[in-house]
Amino acid sequence: VKDYAQNTLPALRKHLRHCEDAARAVGVDETTI
């Protein structure tokens, strides 16, 4: 279970970066982000 969680975290971090980029692209304000 620990290994599964550890190995999934890099993908979650990558997703979060892309979420930030997409949010800015559609006009979500910096304060909200």
All heavy atoms as atom14 arrays in JSON, in Angstrom:
{
  "sequence": "VKDYAQNTLPALRKHLRHCEDAARAVGVDETTI",
  "atom14_mask": [
    [1, 1, 1, 1, 1, 1, 1, 0, 0, 0, 0, 0, 0, 0],
    [1, 1, 1, 1, 1, 1, 1, 1, 1, 0, 0, 0, 0, 0],
    [1, 1, 1, 1, 1, 1, 1, 1, 0, 0, 0, 0, 0, 0],
    [1, 1, 1, 1, 1, 1, 1, 1, 1, 1, 1, 1, 0, 0],
    [1, 1, 1, 1, 1, 0, 0, 0, 0, 0, 0, 0, 0, 0],
    [1, 1, 1, 1, 1, 1, 1, 1, 1, 0, 0, 0, 0, 0],
    [1, 1, 1, 1, 1, 1, 1, 1, 0, 0, 0, 0, 0, 0],
    [1, 1, 1, 1, 1, 1, 1, 0, 0, 0, 0, 0, 0, 0],
    [1, 1, 1, 1, 1, 1, 1, 1, 0, 0, 0, 0, 0, 0],
    [1, 1, 1, 1, 1, 1, 1, 0, 0, 0, 0, 0, 0, 0],
    [1, 1, 1, 1, 1, 0, 0, 0, 0, 0, 0, 0, 0, 0],
    [1, 1, 1, 1, 1, 1, 1, 1, 0, 0, 0, 0, 0, 0],
    [1, 1, 1, 1, 1, 1, 1, 1, 1, 1, 1, 0, 0, 0],
    [1, 1, 1, 1, 1, 1, 1, 1, 1, 0, 0, 0, 0, 0],
    [1, 1, 1, 1, 1, 1, 1, 1, 1, 1, 0, 0, 0, 0],
    [1, 1, 1, 1, 1, 1, 1, 1, 0, 0, 0, 0, 0, 0],
    [1, 1, 1, 1, 1, 1, 1, 1, 1, 1, 1, 0, 0, 0],
    [1, 1, 1, 1, 1, 1, 1, 1, 1, 1, 0, 0, 0, 0],
    [1, 1, 1, 1, 1, 1, 0, 0, 0, 0, 0, 0, 0, 0],
    [1, 1, 1, 1, 1, 1, 1, 1, 1, 0, 0, 0, 0, 0],
    [1, 1, 1, 1, 1, 1, 1, 1, 0, 0, 0, 0, 0, 0],
    [1, 1, 1, 1, 1, 0, 0, 0, 0, 0, 0, 0, 0, 0],
    [1, 1, 1, 1, 1, 0, 0, 0, 0, 0, 0, 0, 0, 0],
    [1, 1, 1, 1, 1, 1, 1, 1, 1, 1, 1, 0, 0, 0],
    [1, 1, 1, 1, 1, 0, 0, 0, 0, 0, 0, 0, 0, 0],
    [1, 1, 1, 1, 1, 1, 1, 0, 0, 0, 0, 0, 0, 0],
    [1, 1, 1, 1, 0, 0, 0, 0, 0, 0, 0, 0, 0, 0],
    [1, 1, 1, 1, 1, 1, 1, 0, 0, 0, 0, 0, 0, 0],
    [1, 1, 1, 1, 1, 1, 1, 1, 0, 0, 0, 0, 0, 0],
    [1, 1, 1, 1, 1, 1, 1, 1, 1, 0, 0, 0, 0, 0],
    [1, 1, 1, 1, 1, 1, 1, 0, 0, 0, 0, 0, 0, 0],
    [1, 1, 1, 1, 1, 1, 1, 0, 0, 0, 0, 0, 0, 0],
    [1, 1, 1, 1, 1, 1, 1, 1, 0, 0, 0, 0, 0, 0]
  ],
  "atom14_positions": [
    [[0.84, -1.2, 0.0], [0.0, 0.0, 0.0], [0.87, 1.24, 0.0], [0.62, 2.2, -0.74], [-0.95, 0.0, 1.22], [-1.8, 1.28, 1.23], [-1.85, -1.23, 1.2], [0.0, 0.0, 0.0], [0.0, 0.0, 0.0], [0.0, 0.0, 0.0], [0.0, 0.0, 0.0], [0.0, 0.0, 0.0], [0.0, 0.0, 0.0], [0.0, 0.0, 0.0]],
    [[1.89, 1.24, 0.82], [2.82, 2.38, 0.88], [3.48, 2.61, -0.48], [3.61, 3.75, -0.94], [3.88, 2.12, 1.96], [4.79, 3.29, 2.24], [5.87, 2.9, 3.24], [5.31, 2.65, 4.62], [4.98, 3.92, 5.32], [0.0, 0.0, 0.0], [0.0, 0.0, 0.0], [0.0, 0.0, 0.0], [0.0, 0.0, 0.0], [0.0, 0.0, 0.0]],
    [[3.93, 1.52, -1.13], [4.57, 1.65, -2.44], [3.6, 2.19, -3.48], [3.97, 3.02, -4.32], [5.1, 0.29, -2.9], [6.33, -0.15, -2.13], [6.91, 0.68, -1.41], [6.71, -1.34, -2.24], [0.0, 0.0, 0.0], [0.0, 0.0, 0.0], [0.0, 0.0, 0.0], [0.0, 0.0, 0.0], [0.0, 0.0, 0.0], [0.0, 0.0, 0.0]],
    [[2.35, 1.72, -3.44], [1.35, 2.23, -4.38], [1.18, 3.74, -4.21], [1.16, 4.5, -5.18], [0.01, 1.52, -4.17], [-1.15, 2.31, -4.72], [-1.33, 2.44, -6.09], [-2.03, 2.98, -3.87], [-2.37, 3.2, -6.61], [-3.07, 3.74, -4.36], [-3.24, 3.85, -5.73], [-4.26, 4.61, -6.23], [0.0, 0.0, 0.0], [0.0, 0.0, 0.0]],
    [[1.05, 4.19, -2.96], [0.88, 5.62, -2.69], [2.1, 6.41, -3.15], [1.97, 7.46, -3.79], [0.63, 5.84, -1.2], [0.0, 0.0, 0.0], [0.0, 0.0, 0.0], [0.0, 0.0, 0.0], [0.0, 0.0, 0.0], [0.0, 0.0, 0.0], [0.0, 0.0, 0.0], [0.0, 0.0, 0.0], [0.0, 0.0, 0.0], [0.0, 0.0, 0.0]],
    [[3.28, 5.91, -2.82], [4.52, 6.61, -3.18], [4.67, 6.72, -4.69], [5.07, 7.77, -5.22], [5.72, 5.85, -2.6], [7.06, 6.53, -2.82], [7.2, 7.81, -2.01], [7.25, 7.78, -0.79], [7.23, 8.94, -2.69], [0.0, 0.0, 0.0], [0.0, 0.0, 0.0], [0.0, 0.0, 0.0], [0.0, 0.0, 0.0], [0.0, 0.0, 0.0]],
    [[4.33, 5.65, -5.4], [4.5, 5.63, -6.86], [3.43, 6.44, -7.59], [3.64, 6.82, -8.75], [4.47, 4.18, -7.36], [5.67, 3.39, -6.91], [6.74, 3.94, -6.62], [5.52, 2.07, -6.81], [0.0, 0.0, 0.0], [0.0, 0.0, 0.0], [0.0, 0.0, 0.0], [0.0, 0.0, 0.0], [0.0, 0.0, 0.0], [0.0, 0.0, 0.0]],
    [[2.32, 6.73, -6.92], [1.25, 7.52, -7.53], [1.46, 9.01, -7.35], [1.0, 9.82, -8.17], [-0.11, 7.1, -6.95], [-0.33, 5.7, -7.19], [-1.26, 7.88, -7.57], [0.0, 0.0, 0.0], [0.0, 0.0, 0.0], [0.0, 0.0, 0.0], [0.0, 0.0, 0.0], [0.0, 0.0, 0.0], [0.0, 0.0, 0.0], [0.0, 0.0, 0.0]],
    [[2.16, 9.4, -6.3], [2.34, 10.83, -6.01], [2.94, 11.64, -7.17], [2.46, 12.75, -7.43], [3.19, 11.01, -4.75], [2.4, 10.96, -3.44], [3.35, 10.81, -2.25], [1.54, 12.21, -3.27], [0.0, 0.0, 0.0], [0.0, 0.0, 0.0], [0.0, 0.0, 0.0], [0.0, 0.0, 0.0], [0.0, 0.0, 0.0], [0.0, 0.0, 0.0]],
    [[3.96, 11.15, -7.9], [4.47, 11.96, -9.01], [3.41, 12.29, -10.06], [3.38, 13.4, -10.59], [5.58, 11.07, -9.6], [6.03, 10.23, -8.45], [4.78, 9.96, -7.66], [0.0, 0.0, 0.0], [0.0, 0.0, 0.0], [0.0, 0.0, 0.0], [0.0, 0.0, 0.0], [0.0, 0.0, 0.0], [0.0, 0.0, 0.0], [0.0, 0.0, 0.0]],
    [[2.51, 11.35, -10.35], [1.44, 11.61, -11.31], [0.47, 12.65, -10.77], [0.0, 13.52, -11.52], [0.71, 10.32, -11.64], [0.0, 0.0, 0.0], [0.0, 0.0, 0.0], [0.0, 0.0, 0.0], [0.0, 0.0, 0.0], [0.0, 0.0, 0.0], [0.0, 0.0, 0.0], [0.0, 0.0, 0.0], [0.0, 0.0, 0.0], [0.0, 0.0, 0.0]],
    [[0.17, 12.58, -9.49], [-0.73, 13.57, -8.88], [-0.12, 14.97, -8.93], [-0.82, 15.95, -9.18], [-1.06, 13.17, -7.44], [-1.86, 11.88, -7.26], [-2.02, 11.55, -5.78], [-3.23, 11.99, -7.93], [0.0, 0.0, 0.0], [0.0, 0.0, 0.0], [0.0, 0.0, 0.0], [0.0, 0.0, 0.0], [0.0, 0.0, 0.0], [0.0, 0.0, 0.0]],
    [[1.18, 15.05, -8.68], [1.85, 16.34, -8.76], [1.84, 16.87, -10.19], [1.64, 18.07, -10.43], [3.28, 16.21, -8.25], [3.37, 15.92, -6.76], [4.8, 15.63, -6.34], [4.87, 15.27, -4.92], [5.58, 14.26, -4.43], [6.26, 13.47, -5.26], [5.6, 14.01, -3.14], [0.0, 0.0, 0.0], [0.0, 0.0, 0.0], [0.0, 0.0, 0.0]],
    [[2.07, 15.98, -11.15], [2.02, 16.39, -12.56], [0.62, 16.89, -12.91], [0.47, 17.92, -13.57], [2.39, 15.2, -13.45], [2.34, 15.52, -14.95], [2.55, 14.27, -15.79], [1.31, 13.4, -15.8], [1.4, 12.28, -16.77], [0.0, 0.0, 0.0], [0.0, 0.0, 0.0], [0.0, 0.0, 0.0], [0.0, 0.0, 0.0], [0.0, 0.0, 0.0]],
    [[-0.39, 16.17, -12.46], [-1.76, 16.59, -12.72], [-2.03, 17.97, -12.14], [-2.68, 18.81, -12.77], [-2.76, 15.6, -12.1], [-2.82, 14.29, -12.8], [-3.63, 13.27, -12.38], [-2.18, 13.84, -13.91], [-3.48, 12.23, -13.2], [-2.6, 12.55, -14.13], [0.0, 0.0, 0.0], [0.0, 0.0, 0.0], [0.0, 0.0, 0.0], [0.0, 0.0, 0.0]],
    [[-1.54, 18.21, -10.94], [-1.78, 19.5, -10.3], [-1.14, 20.64, -11.09], [-1.73, 21.71, -11.23], [-1.26, 19.48, -8.86], [-1.6, 20.71, -8.0], [-3.11, 20.94, -7.96], [-1.06, 20.55, -6.59], [0.0, 0.0, 0.0], [0.0, 0.0, 0.0], [0.0, 0.0, 0.0], [0.0, 0.0, 0.0], [0.0, 0.0, 0.0], [0.0, 0.0, 0.0]],
    [[0.05, 20.42, -11.62], [0.7, 21.44, -12.46], [-0.17, 21.75, -13.68], [-0.37, 22.92, -14.03], [2.09, 20.97, -12.9], [3.08, 20.8, -11.78], [4.52, 20.77, -12.3], [4.75, 19.76, -13.31], [5.06, 18.5, -13.06], [5.12, 18.06, -11.8], [5.29, 17.65, -14.03], [0.0, 0.0, 0.0], [0.0, 0.0, 0.0], [0.0, 0.0, 0.0]],
    [[-0.69, 20.71, -14.32], [-1.52, 20.92, -15.5], [-2.86, 21.54, -15.12], [-3.42, 22.31, -15.91], [-1.73, 19.59, -16.23], [-0.52, 19.14, -17.0], [-0.23, 19.6, -18.28], [0.48, 18.3, -16.68], [0.89, 19.04, -18.71], [1.35, 18.25, -17.75], [0.0, 0.0, 0.0], [0.0, 0.0, 0.0], [0.0, 0.0, 0.0], [0.0, 0.0, 0.0]],
    [[-3.37, 21.22, -13.95], [-4.59, 21.88, -13.48], [-4.36, 23.37, -13.3], [-5.23, 24.19, -13.65], [-5.04, 21.27, -12.15], [-5.68, 19.59, -12.25], [0.0, 0.0, 0.0], [0.0, 0.0, 0.0], [0.0, 0.0, 0.0], [0.0, 0.0, 0.0], [0.0, 0.0, 0.0], [0.0, 0.0, 0.0], [0.0, 0.0, 0.0], [0.0, 0.0, 0.0]],
    [[-3.21, 23.73, -12.75], [-2.88, 25.16, -12.6], [-2.85, 25.85, -13.96], [-3.43, 26.94, -14.14], [-1.51, 25.31, -11.94], [-1.45, 25.08, -10.46], [-0.1, 25.5, -9.92], [0.16, 26.71, -9.87], [0.69, 24.6, -9.54], [0.0, 0.0, 0.0], [0.0, 0.0, 0.0], [0.0, 0.0, 0.0], [0.0, 0.0, 0.0], [0.0, 0.0, 0.0]],
    [[-2.17, 25.24, -14.91], [-2.05, 25.83, -16.24], [-3.42, 25.99, -16.9], [-3.73, 27.05, -17.47], [-1.16, 24.97, -17.14], [0.3, 24.96, -16.69], [0.7, 25.88, -15.94], [1.03, 24.02, -17.09], [0.0, 0.0, 0.0], [0.0, 0.0, 0.0], [0.0, 0.0, 0.0], [0.0, 0.0, 0.0], [0.0, 0.0, 0.0], [0.0, 0.0, 0.0]],
    [[-4.25, 24.94, -16.79], [-5.57, 25.0, -17.41], [-6.45, 26.03, -16.71], [-7.22, 26.75, -17.36], [-6.22, 23.61, -17.37], [0.0, 0.0, 0.0], [0.0, 0.0, 0.0], [0.0, 0.0, 0.0], [0.0, 0.0, 0.0], [0.0, 0.0, 0.0], [0.0, 0.0, 0.0], [0.0, 0.0, 0.0], [0.0, 0.0, 0.0], [0.0, 0.0, 0.0]],
    [[-6.34, 26.11, -15.39], [-7.14, 27.09, -14.65], [-6.8, 28.51, -15.07], [-7.7, 29.34, -15.28], [-6.91, 26.91, -13.15], [0.0, 0.0, 0.0], [0.0, 0.0, 0.0], [0.0, 0.0, 0.0], [0.0, 0.0, 0.0], [0.0, 0.0, 0.0], [0.0, 0.0, 0.0], [0.0, 0.0, 0.0], [0.0, 0.0, 0.0], [0.0, 0.0, 0.0]],
    [[-5.52, 28.79, -15.21], [-5.12, 30.13, -15.66], [-5.59, 30.38, -17.09], [-6.0, 31.51, -17.42], [-3.6, 30.27, -15.58], [-3.07, 30.31, -14.16], [-1.58, 30.66, -14.13], [-1.13, 30.75, -12.74], [-0.57, 29.74, -12.07], [-0.37, 28.57, -12.67], [-0.2, 29.89, -10.81], [0.0, 0.0, 0.0], [0.0, 0.0, 0.0], [0.0, 0.0, 0.0]],
    [[-5.55, 29.35, -17.91], [-5.94, 29.51, -19.32], [-7.41, 29.87, -19.47], [-7.79, 30.52, -20.45], [-5.62, 28.24, -20.1], [0.0, 0.0, 0.0], [0.0, 0.0, 0.0], [0.0, 0.0, 0.0], [0.0, 0.0, 0.0], [0.0, 0.0, 0.0], [0.0, 0.0, 0.0], [0.0, 0.0, 0.0], [0.0, 0.0, 0.0], [0.0, 0.0, 0.0]],
    [[-8.24, 29.46, -18.52], [-9.68, 29.74, -18.63], [-10.11, 30.86, -17.7], [-11.3, 31.11, -17.52], [-10.52, 28.47, -18.36], [-10.2, 27.41, -19.39], [-10.32, 27.95, -16.94], [0.0, 0.0, 0.0], [0.0, 0.0, 0.0], [0.0, 0.0, 0.0], [0.0, 0.0, 0.0], [0.0, 0.0, 0.0], [0.0, 0.0, 0.0], [0.0, 0.0, 0.0]],
    [[-9.14, 31.56, -17.09], [-9.47, 32.78, -16.36], [-9.7, 32.65, -14.87], [-10.25, 33.56, -14.25], [0.0, 0.0, 0.0], [0.0, 0.0, 0.0], [0.0, 0.0, 0.0], [0.0, 0.0, 0.0], [0.0, 0.0, 0.0], [0.0, 0.0, 0.0], [0.0, 0.0, 0.0], [0.0, 0.0, 0.0], [0.0, 0.0, 0.0], [0.0, 0.0, 0.0]],
    [[-9.3, 31.54, -14.26], [-9.38, 31.44, -12.8], [-8.33, 32.39, -12.21], [-7.17, 32.37, -12.62], [-9.13, 30.0, -12.32], [-9.17, 29.94, -10.79], [-10.16, 29.06, -12.92], [0.0, 0.0, 0.0], [0.0, 0.0, 0.0], [0.0, 0.0, 0.0], [0.0, 0.0, 0.0], [0.0, 0.0, 0.0], [0.0, 0.0, 0.0], [0.0, 0.0, 0.0]],
    [[-8.72, 33.23, -11.27], [-7.82, 34.25, -10.76], [-6.75, 33.66, -9.86], [-6.92, 32.59, -9.25], [-8.6, 35.33, -10.01], [-9.32, 34.77, -8.79], [-10.45, 34.28, -8.95], [-8.74, 34.8, -7.69], [0.0, 0.0, 0.0], [0.0, 0.0, 0.0], [0.0, 0.0, 0.0], [0.0, 0.0, 0.0], [0.0, 0.0, 0.0], [0.0, 0.0, 0.0]],
    [[-5.63, 34.37, -9.75], [-4.46, 33.89, -9.0], [-4.76, 33.74, -7.51], [-4.21, 32.85, -6.86], [-3.28, 34.85, -9.19], [-2.68, 34.83, -10.59], [-2.06, 33.48, -10.91], [-1.57, 32.79, -9.99], [-2.06, 33.1, -12.1], [0.0, 0.0, 0.0], [0.0, 0.0, 0.0], [0.0, 0.0, 0.0], [0.0, 0.0, 0.0], [0.0, 0.0, 0.0]],
    [[-5.62, 34.59, -6.98], [-5.96, 34.49, -5.57], [-6.63, 33.15, -5.27], [-6.31, 32.48, -4.29], [-6.88, 35.64, -5.15], [-6.22, 36.89, -5.38], [-7.26, 35.53, -3.68], [0.0, 0.0, 0.0], [0.0, 0.0, 0.0], [0.0, 0.0, 0.0], [0.0, 0.0, 0.0], [0.0, 0.0, 0.0], [0.0, 0.0, 0.0], [0.0, 0.0, 0.0]],
    [[-7.55, 32.75, -6.14], [-8.24, 31.47, -5.96], [-7.26, 30.31, -6.05], [-7.27, 29.39, -5.22], [-9.34, 31.3, -7.02], [-10.32, 32.33, -6.85], [-10.01, 29.94, -6.89], [0.0, 0.0, 0.0], [0.0, 0.0, 0.0], [0.0, 0.0, 0.0], [0.0, 0.0, 0.0], [0.0, 0.0, 0.0], [0.0, 0.0, 0.0], [0.0, 0.0, 0.0]],
    [[-6.38, 30.35, -7.04], [-5.4, 29.28, -7.23], [-4.47, 29.19, -6.02], [-4.22, 28.11, -5.48], [-4.59, 29.5, -8.53], [-5.51, 29.36, -9.74], [-3.43, 28.5, -8.62], [-4.86, 29.73, -11.06], [0.0, 0.0, 0.0], [0.0, 0.0, 0.0], [0.0, 0.0, 0.0], [0.0, 0.0, 0.0], [0.0, 0.0, 0.0], [0.0, 0.0, 0.0]]
  ]
}
